[in-house]
Amino acid sequence: MKNFTYRSHDEKENIEEILRQRKRKVNRQQIVAATVLGVILIILGLYVGRKVVYSDFDGYIHVDAN
């Protein structure tokens, strides 16, 4: 019984609201982090793709129109 603490209904609702706010904040942070990571991966993919194309074709691509 040493650790027993009585919490009123208002305190329980307040704690639940704090937990909801924290979950929303974490979800928002995960969305932002995923978006930033996605943008970085897209930029890296474009960079690597261009390097591969220019190393294969020396930067000059001509269409052979016969």
PDB file of N, CA and C in Angstrom:
ATOM      1  N   MET A   1       0.813  -1.197   0.000  1.00  0.00           N
ATOM      2  CA  MET A   1       0.000   0.000   0.000  1.00  0.00           C
ATOM      3  C   MET A   1       0.858   1.264   0.000  1.00  0.00           C
ATOM      4  N   LYS A   2       2.170   1.123   0.102  1.00  0.00           N
ATOM      5  CA  LYS A   2       3.022   2.305   0.108  1.00  0.00           C
ATOM      6  C   LYS A   2       2.957   3.053  -1.222  1.00  0.00           C
ATOM      7  N   ASN A   3       2.856   2.316  -2.310  1.00  0.00           N
ATOM      8  CA  ASN A   3       2.898   2.923  -3.634  1.00  0.00           C
ATOM      9  C   ASN A   3       1.522   3.325  -4.144  1.00  0.00           C
ATOM     10  N   PHE A   4       0.503   3.176  -3.350  1.00  0.00           N
ATOM     11  CA  PHE A   4      -0.852   3.496  -3.791  1.00  0.00           C
ATOM     12  C   PHE A   4      -1.042   5.007  -3.862  1.00  0.00           C
ATOM     13  N   THR A   5      -1.534   5.457  -5.018  1.00  0.00           N
ATOM     14  CA  THR A   5      -1.896   6.865  -5.165  1.00  0.00           C
ATOM     15  C   THR A   5      -3.275   6.922  -5.790  1.00  0.00           C
ATOM     16  N   TYR A   6      -4.112   7.714  -5.198  1.00  0.00           N
ATOM     17  CA  TYR A   6      -5.464   7.879  -5.721  1.00  0.00           C
ATOM     18  C   TYR A   6      -5.453   8.981  -6.769  1.00  0.00           C
ATOM     19  N   ARG A   7      -5.988   8.652  -7.927  1.00  0.00           N
ATOM     20  CA  ARG A   7      -6.095   9.651  -8.994  1.00  0.00           C
ATOM     21  C   ARG A   7      -7.561   9.851  -9.319  1.00  0.00           C
ATOM     22  N   SER A   8      -7.929  11.088  -9.350  1.00  0.00           N
ATOM     23  CA  SER A   8      -9.317  11.389  -9.679  1.00  0.00           C
ATOM     24  C   SER A   8      -9.548  11.167 -11.174  1.00  0.00           C
ATOM     25  N   HIS A   9     -10.802  11.230 -11.553  1.00  0.00           N
ATOM     26  CA  HIS A   9     -11.173  11.017 -12.951  1.00  0.00           C
ATOM     27  C   HIS A   9     -10.540  12.085 -13.849  1.00  0.00           C
ATOM     28  N   ASP A  10     -10.482  13.317 -13.379  1.00  0.00           N
ATOM     29  CA  ASP A  10      -9.882  14.403 -14.159  1.00  0.00           C
ATOM     30  C   ASP A  10      -8.393  14.165 -14.397  1.00  0.00           C
ATOM     31  N   GLU A  11      -7.701  13.675 -13.376  1.00  0.00           N
ATOM     32  CA  GLU A  11      -6.275  13.407 -13.523  1.00  0.00           C
ATOM     33  C   GLU A  11      -6.034  12.289 -14.530  1.00  0.00           C
ATOM     34  N   LYS A  12      -6.891  11.270 -14.512  1.00  0.00           N
ATOM     35  CA  LYS A  12      -6.747  10.169 -15.470  1.00  0.00           C
ATOM     36  C   LYS A  12      -6.961  10.668 -16.892  1.00  0.00           C
ATOM     37  N   GLU A  13      -7.958  11.525 -17.086  1.00  0.00           N
ATOM     38  CA  GLU A  13      -8.206  12.079 -18.419  1.00  0.00           C
ATOM     39  C   GLU A  13      -7.034  12.948 -18.867  1.00  0.00           C
ATOM     40  N   ASN A  14      -6.473  13.691 -17.931  1.00  0.00           N
ATOM     41  CA  ASN A  14      -5.326  14.537 -18.255  1.00  0.00           C
ATOM     42  C   ASN A  14      -4.130  13.684 -18.686  1.00  0.00           C
ATOM     43  N   ILE A  15      -3.887  12.600 -17.990  1.00  0.00           N
ATOM     44  CA  ILE A  15      -2.786  11.699 -18.336  1.00  0.00           C
ATOM     45  C   ILE A  15      -3.028  11.082 -19.707  1.00  0.00           C
ATOM     46  N   GLU A  16      -4.268  10.680 -19.977  1.00  0.00           N
ATOM     47  CA  GLU A  16      -4.590  10.104 -21.282  1.00  0.00           C
ATOM     48  C   GLU A  16      -4.376  11.124 -22.396  1.00  0.00           C
ATOM     49  N   GLU A  17      -4.730  12.365 -22.146  1.00  0.00           N
ATOM     50  CA  GLU A  17      -4.538  13.419 -23.151  1.00  0.00           C
ATOM     51  C   GLU A  17      -3.050  13.657 -23.411  1.00  0.00           C
ATOM     52  N   ILE A  18      -2.249  13.637 -22.366  1.00  0.00           N
ATOM     53  CA  ILE A  18      -0.801  13.801 -22.526  1.00  0.00           C
ATOM     54  C   ILE A  18      -0.234  12.657 -23.360  1.00  0.00           C
ATOM     55  N   LEU A  19      -0.677  11.436 -23.091  1.00  0.00           N
ATOM     56  CA  LEU A  19      -0.203  10.289 -23.866  1.00  0.00           C
ATOM     57  C   LEU A  19      -0.611  10.407 -25.332  1.00  0.00           C
ATOM     58  N   ARG A  20      -1.826  10.856 -25.592  1.00  0.00           N
ATOM     59  CA  ARG A  20      -2.286  11.046 -26.972  1.00  0.00           C
ATOM     60  C   ARG A  20      -1.433  12.094 -27.684  1.00  0.00           C
ATOM     61  N   GLN A  21      -1.135  13.183 -26.988  1.00  0.00           N
ATOM     62  CA  GLN A  21      -0.311  14.236 -27.590  1.00  0.00           C
ATOM     63  C   GLN A  21       1.091  13.721 -27.908  1.00  0.00           C
ATOM     64  N   ARG A  22       1.644  12.920 -27.019  1.00  0.00           N
ATOM     65  CA  ARG A  22       2.980  12.371 -27.259  1.00  0.00           C
ATOM     66  C   ARG A  22       2.976  11.428 -28.456  1.00  0.00           C
ATOM     67  N   LYS A  23       1.926  10.608 -28.563  1.00  0.00           N
ATOM     68  CA  LYS A  23       1.829   9.699 -29.707  1.00  0.00           C
ATOM     69  C   LYS A  23       1.728  10.480 -31.010  1.00  0.00           C
ATOM     70  N   ARG A  24       0.930  11.543 -31.011  1.00  0.00           N
ATOM     71  CA  ARG A  24       0.808  12.374 -32.212  1.00  0.00           C
ATOM     72  C   ARG A  24       2.147  13.002 -32.576  1.00  0.00           C
ATOM     73  N   LYS A  25       2.867  13.465 -31.568  1.00  0.00           N
ATOM     74  CA  LYS A  25       4.163  14.096 -31.812  1.00  0.00           C
ATOM     75  C   LYS A  25       5.147  13.086 -32.400  1.00  0.00           C
ATOM     76  N   VAL A  26       5.171  11.888 -31.855  1.00  0.00           N
ATOM     77  CA  VAL A  26       6.064  10.849 -32.361  1.00  0.00           C
ATOM     78  C   VAL A  26       5.673  10.472 -33.787  1.00  0.00           C
ATOM     79  N   ASN A  27       4.377  10.346 -34.053  1.00  0.00           N
ATOM     80  CA  ASN A  27       3.924  10.026 -35.405  1.00  0.00           C
ATOM     81  C   ASN A  27       4.343  11.106 -36.389  1.00  0.00           C
ATOM     82  N   ARG A  28       4.185  12.353 -36.000  1.00  0.00           N
ATOM     83  CA  ARG A  28       4.574  13.472 -36.856  1.00  0.00           C
ATOM     84  C   ARG A  28       6.084  13.438 -37.122  1.00  0.00           C
ATOM     85  N   GLN A  29       6.863  13.145 -36.094  1.00  0.00           N
ATOM     86  CA  GLN A  29       8.314  13.075 -36.259  1.00  0.00           C
ATOM     87  C   GLN A  29       8.706  11.943 -37.204  1.00  0.00           C
ATOM     88  N   GLN A  30       8.002  10.808 -37.110  1.00  0.00           N
ATOM     89  CA  GLN A  30       8.297   9.686 -37.993  1.00  0.00           C
ATOM     90  C   GLN A  30       7.969  10.026 -39.440  1.00  0.00           C
ATOM     91  N   ILE A  31       6.875  10.742 -39.655  1.00  0.00           N
ATOM     92  CA  ILE A  31       6.501  11.140 -41.009  1.00  0.00           C
ATOM     93  C   ILE A  31       7.541  12.093 -41.586  1.00  0.00           C
ATOM     94  N   VAL A  32       7.968  13.056 -40.793  1.00  0.00           N
ATOM     95  CA  VAL A  32       8.985  14.009 -41.260  1.00  0.00           C
ATOM     96  C   VAL A  32      10.294  13.284 -41.555  1.00  0.00           C
ATOM     97  N   ALA A  33      10.707  12.391 -40.678  1.00  0.00           N
ATOM     98  CA  ALA A  33      11.960  11.658 -40.880  1.00  0.00           C
ATOM     99  C   ALA A  33      11.878  10.780 -42.130  1.00  0.00           C
ATOM    100  N   ALA A  34      10.751  10.121 -42.342  1.00  0.00           N
ATOM    101  CA  ALA A  34      10.581   9.280 -43.528  1.00  0.00           C
ATOM    102  C   ALA A  34      10.598  10.119 -44.800  1.00  0.00           C
ATOM    103  N   THR A  35       9.996  11.292 -44.758  1.00  0.00           N
ATOM    104  CA  THR A  35       9.989  12.178 -45.921  1.00  0.00           C
ATOM    105  C   THR A  35      11.399  12.656 -46.250  1.00  0.00           C
ATOM    106  N   VAL A  36      12.130  13.067 -45.235  1.00  0.00           N
ATOM    107  CA  VAL A  36      13.511  13.523 -45.452  1.00  0.00           C
ATOM    108  C   VAL A  36      14.360  12.386 -46.005  1.00  0.00           C
ATOM    109  N   LEU A  37      14.227  11.197 -45.439  1.00  0.00           N
ATOM    110  CA  LEU A  37      14.981  10.042 -45.917  1.00  0.00           C
ATOM    111  C   LEU A  37      14.612   9.717 -47.360  1.00  0.00           C
ATOM    112  N   GLY A  38      13.326   9.794 -47.686  1.00  0.00           N
ATOM    113  CA  GLY A  38      12.883   9.541 -49.055  1.00  0.00           C
ATOM    114  C   GLY A  38      13.480  10.523 -50.044  1.00  0.00           C
ATOM    115  N   VAL A  39      13.494  11.795 -49.687  1.00  0.00           N
ATOM    116  CA  VAL A  39      14.072  12.816 -50.571  1.00  0.00           C
ATOM    117  C   VAL A  39      15.565  12.564 -50.764  1.00  0.00           C
ATOM    118  N   ILE A  40      16.252  12.230 -49.691  1.00  0.00           N
ATOM    119  CA  ILE A  40      17.690  11.947 -49.794  1.00  0.00           C
ATOM    120  C   ILE A  40      17.937  10.747 -50.697  1.00  0.00           C
ATOM    121  N   LEU A  41      17.134   9.699 -50.551  1.00  0.00           N
ATOM    122  CA  LEU A  41      17.310   8.509 -51.389  1.00  0.00           C
ATOM    123  C   LEU A  41      17.011   8.805 -52.855  1.00  0.00           C
ATOM    124  N   ILE A  42      16.008   9.629 -53.126  1.00  0.00           N
ATOM    125  CA  ILE A  42      15.686   9.992 -54.510  1.00  0.00           C
ATOM    126  C   ILE A  42      16.838  10.784 -55.130  1.00  0.00           C
ATOM    127  N   ILE A  43      17.354  11.756 -54.390  1.00  0.00           N
ATOM    128  CA  ILE A  43      18.479  12.552 -54.899  1.00  0.00           C
ATOM    129  C   ILE A  43      19.699  11.662 -55.133  1.00  0.00           C
ATOM    130  N   LEU A  44      19.970  10.758 -54.210  1.00  0.00           N
ATOM    131  CA  LEU A  44      21.094   9.841 -54.365  1.00  0.00           C
ATOM    132  C   LEU A  44      20.890   8.936 -55.576  1.00  0.00           C
ATOM    133  N   GLY A  45      19.670   8.455 -55.777  1.00  0.00           N
ATOM    134  CA  GLY A  45      19.368   7.622 -56.942  1.00  0.00           C
ATOM    135  C   GLY A  45      19.565   8.368 -58.249  1.00  0.00           C
ATOM    136  N   LEU A  46      19.117   9.620 -58.300  1.00  0.00           N
ATOM    137  CA  LEU A  46      19.323  10.426 -59.508  1.00  0.00           C
ATOM    138  C   LEU A  46      20.808  10.666 -59.768  1.00  0.00           C
ATOM    139  N   TYR A  47      21.552  10.929 -58.724  1.00  0.00           N
ATOM    140  CA  TYR A  47      22.994  11.156 -58.858  1.00  0.00           C
ATOM    141  C   TYR A  47      23.692   9.908 -59.403  1.00  0.00           C
ATOM    142  N   VAL A  48      23.393   8.760 -58.812  1.00  0.00           N
ATOM    143  CA  VAL A  48      24.013   7.509 -59.255  1.00  0.00           C
ATOM    144  C   VAL A  48      23.572   7.181 -60.676  1.00  0.00           C
ATOM    145  N   GLY A  49      22.299   7.383 -60.977  1.00  0.00           N
ATOM    146  CA  GLY A  49      21.801   7.116 -62.328  1.00  0.00           C
ATOM    147  C   GLY A  49      22.497   7.964 -63.373  1.00  0.00           C
ATOM    148  N   ARG A  50      22.677   9.230 -63.091  1.00  0.00           N
ATOM    149  CA  ARG A  50      23.370  10.111 -64.040  1.00  0.00           C
ATOM    150  C   ARG A  50      24.831   9.702 -64.209  1.00  0.00           C
ATOM    151  N   LYS A  51      25.470   9.332 -63.111  1.00  0.00           N
ATOM    152  CA  LYS A  51      26.869   8.902 -63.205  1.00  0.00           C
ATOM    153  C   LYS A  51      26.992   7.656 -64.075  1.00  0.00           C
ATOM    154  N   VAL A  52      26.077   6.720 -63.938  1.00  0.00           N
ATOM    155  CA  VAL A  52      26.114   5.492 -64.730  1.00  0.00           C
ATOM    156  C   VAL A  52      25.887   5.812 -66.202  1.00  0.00           C
ATOM    157  N   VAL A  53      24.894   6.636 -66.501  1.00  0.00           N
ATOM    158  CA  VAL A  53      24.602   6.981 -67.897  1.00  0.00           C
ATOM    159  C   VAL A  53      25.776   7.713 -68.525  1.00  0.00           C
ATOM    160  N   TYR A  54      26.335   8.698 -67.828  1.00  0.00           N
ATOM    161  CA  TYR A  54      27.435   9.466 -68.405  1.00  0.00           C
ATOM    162  C   TYR A  54      28.728   8.666 -68.483  1.00  0.00           C
ATOM    163  N   SER A  55      28.915   7.692 -67.618  1.00  0.00           N
ATOM    164  CA  SER A  55      30.119   6.867 -67.724  1.00  0.00           C
ATOM    165  C   SER A  55      29.987   5.870 -68.867  1.00  0.00           C
ATOM    166  N   ASP A  56      28.769   5.412 -69.165  1.00  0.00           N
ATOM    167  CA  ASP A  56      28.561   4.488 -70.283  1.00  0.00           C
ATOM    168  C   ASP A  56      28.593   5.206 -71.623  1.00  0.00           C
ATOM    169  N   PHE A  57      28.025   6.395 -71.690  1.00  0.00           N
ATOM    170  CA  PHE A  57      27.876   7.086 -72.966  1.00  0.00           C
ATOM    171  C   PHE A  57      28.753   8.334 -73.086  1.00  0.00           C
ATOM    172  N   ASP A  58      29.643   8.556 -72.175  1.00  0.00           N
ATOM    173  CA  ASP A  58      30.557   9.705 -72.189  1.00  0.00           C
ATOM    174  C   ASP A  58      29.831  11.043 -72.286  1.00  0.00           C
ATOM    175  N   GLY A  59      28.593  11.100 -71.891  1.00  0.00           N
ATOM    176  CA  GLY A  59      27.851  12.355 -71.891  1.00  0.00           C
ATOM    177  C   GLY A  59      27.237  12.719 -73.222  1.00  0.00           C
ATOM    178  N   TYR A  60      27.516  11.948 -74.258  1.00  0.00           N
ATOM    179  CA  TYR A  60      26.970  12.252 -75.583  1.00  0.00           C
ATOM    180  C   TYR A  60      26.089  11.095 -76.038  1.00  0.00           C
ATOM    181  N   ILE A  61      24.840  11.370 -76.209  1.00  0.00           N
ATOM    182  CA  ILE A  61      23.908  10.361 -76.687  1.00  0.00           C
ATOM    183  C   ILE A  61      23.330  10.885 -77.997  1.00  0.00           C
ATOM    184  N   HIS A  62      23.571  10.161 -79.074  1.00  0.00           N
ATOM    185  CA  HIS A  62      23.064  10.552 -80.389  1.00  0.00           C
ATOM    186  C   HIS A  62      22.058   9.512 -80.855  1.00  0.00           C
ATOM    187  N   VAL A  63      20.986   9.994 -81.433  1.00  0.00           N
ATOM    188  CA  VAL A  63      19.987   9.096 -81.993  1.00  0.00           C
ATOM    189  C   VAL A  63      20.376   8.830 -83.440  1.00  0.00           C
ATOM    190  N   ASP A  64      20.456   7.572 -83.760  1.00  0.00           N
ATOM    191  CA  ASP A  64      20.817   7.188 -85.123  1.00  0.00           C
ATOM    192  C   ASP A  64      19.548   7.151 -85.967  1.00  0.00           C
ATOM    193  N   ALA A  65      19.351   8.160 -86.796  1.00  0.00           N
ATOM    194  CA  ALA A  65      18.138   8.255 -87.617  1.00  0.00           C
ATOM    195  C   ALA A  65      18.471   7.848 -89.040  1.00  0.00           C
ATOM    196  N   ASN A  66      18.203   6.618 -89.389  1.00  0.00           N
ATOM    197  CA  ASN A  66      18.452   6.124 -90.754  1.00  0.00           C
ATOM    198  C   ASN A  66      17.172   6.021 -91.513  1.00  0.00           C
TER     199      ASN A  66
END
